[in-house]
Protein backbone atom coordinates (compact mmCIF):
# COMPACT_ATOMS: atom_id res chain seq x y z
CA UNK A 1 70.25 -13.29 -90.96
CA UNK A 2 69.35 -9.92 -89.39
CA UNK A 3 71.64 -7.02 -90.21
CA UNK A 4 74.00 -6.05 -87.37
CA UNK A 5 73.65 -2.49 -86.09
CA UNK A 6 76.89 -0.74 -85.15
CA UNK A 7 76.90 2.66 -83.44
CA UNK A 8 79.63 5.00 -84.71
CA UNK A 9 81.07 7.84 -82.61
CA UNK A 10 83.08 10.89 -83.69
CA UNK A 11 86.48 9.29 -83.00
CA UNK A 12 85.63 6.41 -85.34
CA UNK A 13 84.34 8.85 -87.95
CA UNK A 14 87.64 10.78 -87.90
CA UNK A 15 89.59 7.52 -88.27
CA UNK A 16 87.41 6.54 -91.23
CA UNK A 17 88.16 9.87 -92.96
CA UNK A 18 91.90 9.48 -92.37
CA UNK A 19 91.97 6.35 -94.49
CA UNK A 20 91.30 8.35 -97.68
CA UNK A 21 93.56 11.34 -97.12
CA UNK A 22 97.07 12.13 -96.01
CA UNK A 23 97.27 10.06 -92.82
CA UNK A 24 97.20 12.04 -89.59
CA UNK A 25 97.22 9.13 -87.17
CA UNK A 26 99.76 6.60 -85.98
CA UNK A 27 97.49 3.56 -86.26
CA UNK A 28 97.18 2.42 -89.89
CA UNK A 29 95.63 -0.89 -88.76
CA UNK A 30 92.60 0.93 -87.34
CA UNK A 31 92.32 3.01 -90.53
CA UNK A 32 92.43 -0.13 -92.68
CA UNK A 33 89.83 -1.86 -90.51
CA UNK A 34 87.57 1.20 -90.71
CA UNK A 35 87.74 1.09 -94.51
CA UNK A 36 86.76 -2.60 -94.49
CA UNK A 37 83.90 -1.83 -92.10
CA UNK A 38 82.78 0.96 -94.44
CA UNK A 39 82.77 -1.35 -97.48
CA UNK A 40 80.73 -3.87 -95.49
CA UNK A 41 78.28 -1.09 -94.67
CA UNK A 42 78.04 -0.01 -98.32
CA UNK A 43 77.37 -3.65 -99.25
CA UNK A 44 74.44 -3.44 -96.79
CA UNK A 45 75.73 -6.29 -94.65
CA UNK A 46 75.83 -4.10 -91.51
CA UNK A 47 74.19 -0.82 -90.52
CA UNK A 48 76.38 2.04 -89.29
CA UNK A 49 74.22 4.36 -87.19
CA UNK A 50 74.68 7.43 -85.00
CA UNK A 51 72.80 10.21 -83.23
CA UNK A 52 72.62 13.22 -85.54
CA UNK A 53 72.18 15.76 -82.76
CA UNK A 54 75.09 14.51 -80.64
CA UNK A 55 77.41 14.00 -83.59
CA UNK A 56 76.67 17.48 -84.92
CA UNK A 57 77.46 19.03 -81.53
CA UNK A 58 80.85 17.29 -81.57
CA UNK A 59 81.51 18.38 -85.14
CA UNK A 60 80.77 22.02 -84.34
CA UNK A 61 82.98 21.96 -81.24
CA UNK A 62 85.80 20.19 -83.10
CA UNK A 63 85.76 22.49 -86.13
CA UNK A 64 85.96 25.53 -83.88
CA UNK A 65 88.96 23.98 -82.10
CA UNK A 66 90.63 23.70 -85.52
CA UNK A 67 90.14 27.45 -86.00
CA UNK A 68 87.24 27.10 -88.45
CA UNK A 69 84.17 29.06 -87.43
CA UNK A 70 81.10 26.83 -87.78
CA UNK A 71 78.04 27.72 -85.71
CA UNK A 72 75.63 25.09 -87.07
CA UNK A 73 75.60 22.19 -89.54
CA UNK A 74 73.36 23.83 -92.13
CA UNK A 75 76.19 25.05 -94.40
CA UNK A 76 79.47 23.48 -93.20
CA UNK A 77 80.99 23.24 -96.70
CA UNK A 78 80.54 26.98 -97.22
CA UNK A 79 82.28 27.59 -93.89
CA UNK A 80 85.21 25.40 -94.98
CA UNK A 81 85.45 27.25 -98.31
CA UNK A 82 85.56 30.55 -96.44
CA UNK A 83 88.34 29.19 -94.21
CA UNK A 84 90.28 28.07 -97.29
CA UNK A 85 90.37 31.63 -98.60
CA UNK A 86 92.68 32.43 -95.68
CA UNK A 87 96.26 32.40 -96.93
CA UNK A 88 97.47 30.33 -93.94
CA UNK A 89 94.91 27.55 -94.31
CA UNK A 90 96.20 24.01 -94.86
CA UNK A 91 94.60 22.33 -97.90
CA UNK A 92 95.45 18.83 -96.66
CA UNK A 93 93.63 19.64 -93.45
CA UNK A 94 90.51 21.04 -95.14
CA UNK A 95 90.44 18.05 -97.50
CA UNK A 96 90.32 15.86 -94.39
CA UNK A 97 87.46 17.95 -93.00
CA UNK A 98 85.50 17.39 -96.20
CA UNK A 99 86.04 13.65 -95.95
CA UNK A 100 84.60 13.69 -92.41
CA UNK A 101 81.47 15.44 -93.64
CA UNK A 102 81.26 13.15 -96.69
CA UNK A 103 81.10 10.05 -94.48
CA UNK A 104 78.86 11.62 -91.86
CA UNK A 105 76.21 12.41 -94.48
CA UNK A 106 75.98 8.72 -95.45
CA UNK A 107 75.71 7.17 -91.97
CA UNK A 108 72.21 6.11 -90.93
CA UNK A 109 70.61 8.44 -88.39
CA UNK A 110 68.78 7.13 -85.35
CA UNK A 111 65.47 8.71 -84.33
CA UNK A 112 65.77 11.13 -81.40
CA UNK A 113 63.97 9.79 -78.32
CA UNK A 114 65.50 11.70 -75.39
CA UNK A 115 62.11 12.99 -74.28
CA UNK A 116 60.71 9.45 -74.01
CA UNK A 117 63.19 8.01 -71.52
CA UNK A 118 64.68 11.04 -69.79
CA UNK A 119 65.33 9.25 -66.50
CA UNK A 120 67.64 6.70 -68.13
CA UNK A 121 70.28 9.30 -69.02
CA UNK A 122 70.64 10.39 -65.38
CA UNK A 123 70.86 6.74 -64.32
CA UNK A 124 73.68 6.07 -66.81
CA UNK A 125 75.61 9.14 -65.63
CA UNK A 126 75.22 8.06 -62.01
CA UNK A 127 76.44 4.51 -62.68
CA UNK A 128 79.39 5.66 -64.76
CA UNK A 129 80.42 8.10 -62.05
CA UNK A 130 80.31 5.31 -59.45
CA UNK A 131 82.65 3.19 -61.55
CA UNK A 132 85.00 6.13 -62.23
CA UNK A 133 84.51 6.12 -66.00
CA UNK A 134 84.05 9.89 -66.00
CA UNK A 135 87.59 10.32 -64.70
CA UNK A 136 89.44 9.28 -67.83
CA UNK A 137 92.00 11.85 -69.03
CA UNK A 138 90.92 14.30 -71.70
CA UNK A 139 93.01 15.46 -74.64
CA UNK A 140 92.54 19.12 -73.77
CA UNK A 141 95.49 21.04 -75.19
CA UNK A 142 93.91 24.45 -74.61
CA UNK A 143 95.66 27.22 -72.73
CA UNK A 144 94.43 27.50 -69.14
CA UNK A 145 91.29 29.58 -68.75
CA UNK A 146 92.88 32.56 -66.99
CA UNK A 147 95.56 32.96 -69.68
CA UNK A 148 92.95 32.52 -72.41
CA UNK A 149 90.75 35.19 -70.83
CA UNK A 150 93.64 37.66 -70.64
CA UNK A 151 94.58 37.07 -74.29
CA UNK A 152 90.98 37.60 -75.44
CA UNK A 153 90.84 40.83 -73.43
CA UNK A 154 93.96 42.05 -75.23
CA UNK A 155 92.41 41.04 -78.55
CA UNK A 156 89.41 43.25 -77.79
CA UNK A 157 91.76 46.12 -76.92
CA UNK A 158 93.42 45.94 -80.35
CA UNK A 159 90.22 45.61 -82.42
CA UNK A 160 90.15 49.32 -83.24
CA UNK A 161 93.77 49.27 -84.49
CA UNK A 162 93.24 46.33 -86.86
CA UNK A 163 89.66 46.40 -88.15
CA UNK A 164 88.71 48.80 -90.97
CA UNK A 165 85.19 50.11 -90.39
CA UNK A 166 83.71 48.32 -93.43
CA UNK A 167 85.09 44.97 -92.23
CA UNK A 168 83.72 45.47 -88.74
CA UNK A 169 80.27 46.05 -90.21
CA UNK A 170 80.46 42.91 -92.38
CA UNK A 171 78.37 40.40 -90.43
CA UNK A 172 78.10 37.79 -93.17
CA UNK A 173 81.72 36.71 -93.57
CA UNK A 174 84.57 35.61 -91.35
CA UNK A 175 87.74 37.41 -92.47
CA UNK A 176 90.36 35.03 -91.10
CA UNK A 177 93.22 37.25 -92.31
CA UNK A 178 92.06 40.22 -90.23
CA UNK A 179 91.16 38.01 -87.26
CA UNK A 180 94.66 36.51 -87.38
CA UNK A 181 96.21 39.99 -87.40
CA UNK A 182 94.26 40.71 -84.22
CA UNK A 183 95.70 37.63 -82.57
CA UNK A 184 99.22 38.36 -83.81
CA UNK A 185 99.14 41.89 -82.38
CA UNK A 186 97.55 40.83 -79.09
CA UNK A 187 100.11 38.06 -78.51
CA UNK A 188 102.94 40.39 -79.48
CA UNK A 189 101.72 42.95 -76.92
CA UNK A 190 101.65 40.18 -74.29
CA UNK A 191 105.13 38.94 -75.34
CA UNK A 192 103.76 35.50 -76.31
CA UNK A 193 105.31 33.63 -79.24
CA UNK A 194 102.88 32.65 -81.99
CA UNK A 195 103.55 29.17 -83.38
CA UNK A 196 101.60 26.95 -85.78
CA UNK A 197 103.38 23.63 -85.30
CA UNK A 198 103.32 20.97 -82.58
CA UNK A 199 101.28 21.23 -79.39
CA UNK A 200 101.73 25.01 -79.28
CA UNK A 201 100.26 25.19 -82.76
CA UNK A 202 97.23 23.16 -81.64
CA UNK A 203 96.75 25.48 -78.65
CA UNK A 204 97.01 28.55 -80.85
CA UNK A 205 94.46 27.24 -83.36
CA UNK A 206 92.05 26.52 -80.50
CA UNK A 207 92.68 30.06 -79.29
CA UNK A 208 92.05 31.33 -82.82
CA UNK A 209 88.77 29.43 -82.89
CA UNK A 210 87.68 31.18 -79.69
CA UNK A 211 88.75 34.54 -81.12
CA UNK A 212 86.69 33.97 -84.28
CA UNK A 213 83.60 33.34 -82.17
CA UNK A 214 84.42 36.36 -79.99
CA UNK A 215 84.77 38.66 -82.99
CA UNK A 216 81.57 37.37 -84.59
CA UNK A 217 79.51 38.02 -81.45
CA UNK A 218 81.14 41.42 -80.84
CA UNK A 219 80.36 42.52 -84.40
CA UNK A 220 76.72 41.52 -84.05
CA UNK A 221 76.25 43.28 -80.72
CA UNK A 222 78.35 46.46 -81.16
CA UNK A 223 78.13 48.70 -84.22
CA UNK A 224 81.23 50.71 -83.50
CA UNK A 225 84.68 50.42 -81.97
CA UNK A 226 86.16 50.66 -79.39
CA UNK A 227 84.12 48.08 -77.53
CA UNK A 228 82.69 48.88 -74.13
CA UNK A 229 84.85 47.08 -71.54
CA UNK A 230 81.93 45.60 -69.61
CA UNK A 231 80.26 44.38 -72.78
CA UNK A 232 83.53 42.84 -73.96
CA UNK A 233 83.83 40.93 -70.70
CA UNK A 234 80.27 39.68 -71.10
CA UNK A 235 81.04 38.32 -74.60
CA UNK A 236 84.27 36.68 -73.37
CA UNK A 237 82.33 34.89 -70.64
CA UNK A 238 79.76 33.72 -73.18
CA UNK A 239 82.41 32.38 -75.57
CA UNK A 240 84.39 30.58 -72.87
CA UNK A 241 81.28 28.98 -71.43
CA UNK A 242 80.17 27.59 -74.79
CA UNK A 243 83.39 26.90 -76.69
CA UNK A 244 86.37 26.69 -74.31
CA UNK A 245 86.10 23.06 -73.21
CA UNK A 246 85.92 20.13 -75.64
CA UNK A 247 82.87 17.88 -75.31
CA UNK A 248 84.71 15.47 -73.01
CA UNK A 249 81.64 13.54 -71.87
CA UNK A 250 79.83 13.28 -75.18
CA UNK A 251 80.29 9.50 -75.04
CA UNK A 252 77.63 9.39 -72.30
CA UNK A 253 74.99 10.45 -74.83
CA UNK A 254 76.34 7.88 -77.30
CA UNK A 255 76.08 5.10 -74.71
CA UNK A 256 72.56 6.28 -73.92
CA UNK A 257 71.58 6.11 -77.60
CA UNK A 258 72.91 2.56 -77.86
CA UNK A 259 70.92 1.42 -74.84
CA UNK A 260 67.57 2.96 -75.77
CA UNK A 261 67.85 1.66 -79.34
CA UNK A 262 69.04 -1.79 -78.20
CA UNK A 263 72.33 -1.58 -80.11
CA UNK A 264 75.00 -3.81 -78.60
CA UNK A 265 78.08 -2.65 -80.56
CA UNK A 266 79.58 0.82 -80.08
CA UNK A 267 82.50 1.56 -82.44
CA UNK A 268 85.24 4.00 -81.38
CA UNK A 269 88.99 4.62 -81.45
CA UNK A 270 88.92 6.20 -77.97
CA UNK A 271 91.00 3.61 -76.12
CA UNK A 272 90.57 5.34 -72.75
CA UNK A 273 86.80 5.05 -73.07
CA UNK A 274 87.02 1.35 -73.97
CA UNK A 275 89.25 0.59 -70.99
CA UNK A 276 87.08 2.52 -68.53
CA UNK A 277 83.86 1.08 -69.86
CA UNK A 278 85.11 -2.47 -69.48
CA UNK A 279 86.04 -1.62 -65.89
CA UNK A 280 82.53 -0.25 -65.40
CA UNK A 281 81.05 -3.55 -66.61
CA UNK A 282 83.15 -5.33 -63.98
CA UNK A 283 82.05 -2.90 -61.27
CA UNK A 284 80.43 -4.75 -58.35
CA UNK A 285 76.97 -3.32 -58.69
CA UNK A 286 74.02 -5.38 -59.89
CA UNK A 287 72.49 -2.28 -61.45
CA UNK A 288 75.63 -1.46 -63.42
CA UNK A 289 76.08 -5.02 -64.65
CA UNK A 290 72.42 -5.31 -65.66
CA UNK A 291 72.37 -1.99 -67.54
CA UNK A 292 75.60 -2.47 -69.50
CA UNK A 293 75.48 -6.26 -69.92
CA UNK A 294 74.53 -6.33 -73.62
CA UNK A 295 76.68 -3.40 -74.76
CA UNK A 296 80.25 -3.79 -76.00
CA UNK A 297 82.50 -0.85 -76.94
CA UNK A 298 85.04 -1.94 -79.54
CA UNK A 299 87.80 -0.67 -81.82
CA UNK A 300 87.59 -1.11 -85.61
CA UNK A 301 90.10 -3.99 -85.52
CA UNK A 302 88.12 -5.73 -82.76
CA UNK A 303 84.85 -5.27 -84.66
CA UNK A 304 86.41 -6.63 -87.85
CA UNK A 305 87.59 -9.75 -86.00
CA UNK A 306 84.39 -10.15 -84.01
CA UNK A 307 81.79 -9.51 -86.71
CA UNK A 308 83.10 -8.97 -90.23
CA UNK A 309 85.46 -11.95 -90.44
CA UNK A 310 82.57 -14.29 -89.60
CA UNK A 311 80.37 -13.05 -92.45
């Protein structure tokens, strides 16, 4: 019997990592199913595959939203170790990050073929837009862009009061302690409370992630403080454009990879995506039905019932 190929997205990868650490989710059934799927993969009864390029983009975006400054996937463990040297870092959290990377490194990587069938991606986007799949709600807990911009401006204004000259000239390391002092002072000046728990804590860590990128780019482009106001605004614009929004539509690339590689099972724990995709398959368009006919997007528990239990 031919081995079944199952495409894994970032949501499923995070759920897999949760099963071996302090649980951070409210769905232990999905975690348990992911562990069983993983054991089936290690027994070589199924193949878990993904797109390296698209998964790495999501990892970089996600790590930055956790406050950890990762600019590429060449040395992510070193970046986590640097983050752990910060006195406010959470060891349970960084242990979870390591588990994500541990599993990612073992998943089979699909060959990149975007250049071969470029027109298909635009066709998928068009069909998904017609069936309203792109409208599903995002989990964006960031501050609104105007407030974020004003906070980053205030951060730039306090650089010279917080950064010792030798630290400003250190381009190799991220000093999270000093960066945090910048954010503390800026928020205090703006009369904004700094919290680390709940939704406000999530927002503040995303803000901290943006600040880390801002400081890194400012250091590289300006030898001395204070920073020129116009240059500071240019760097803020650059950071917001690249890092402000989560990769909400990354699933489009994952669907594309499944179709061009003829993979008919897409594994995720994004329930909104599953619901919308099933609606798209029911959309009254011959083109939509024909394109998505062989693909099924499933949860770990559904995959276990559909595939694993019959092995």
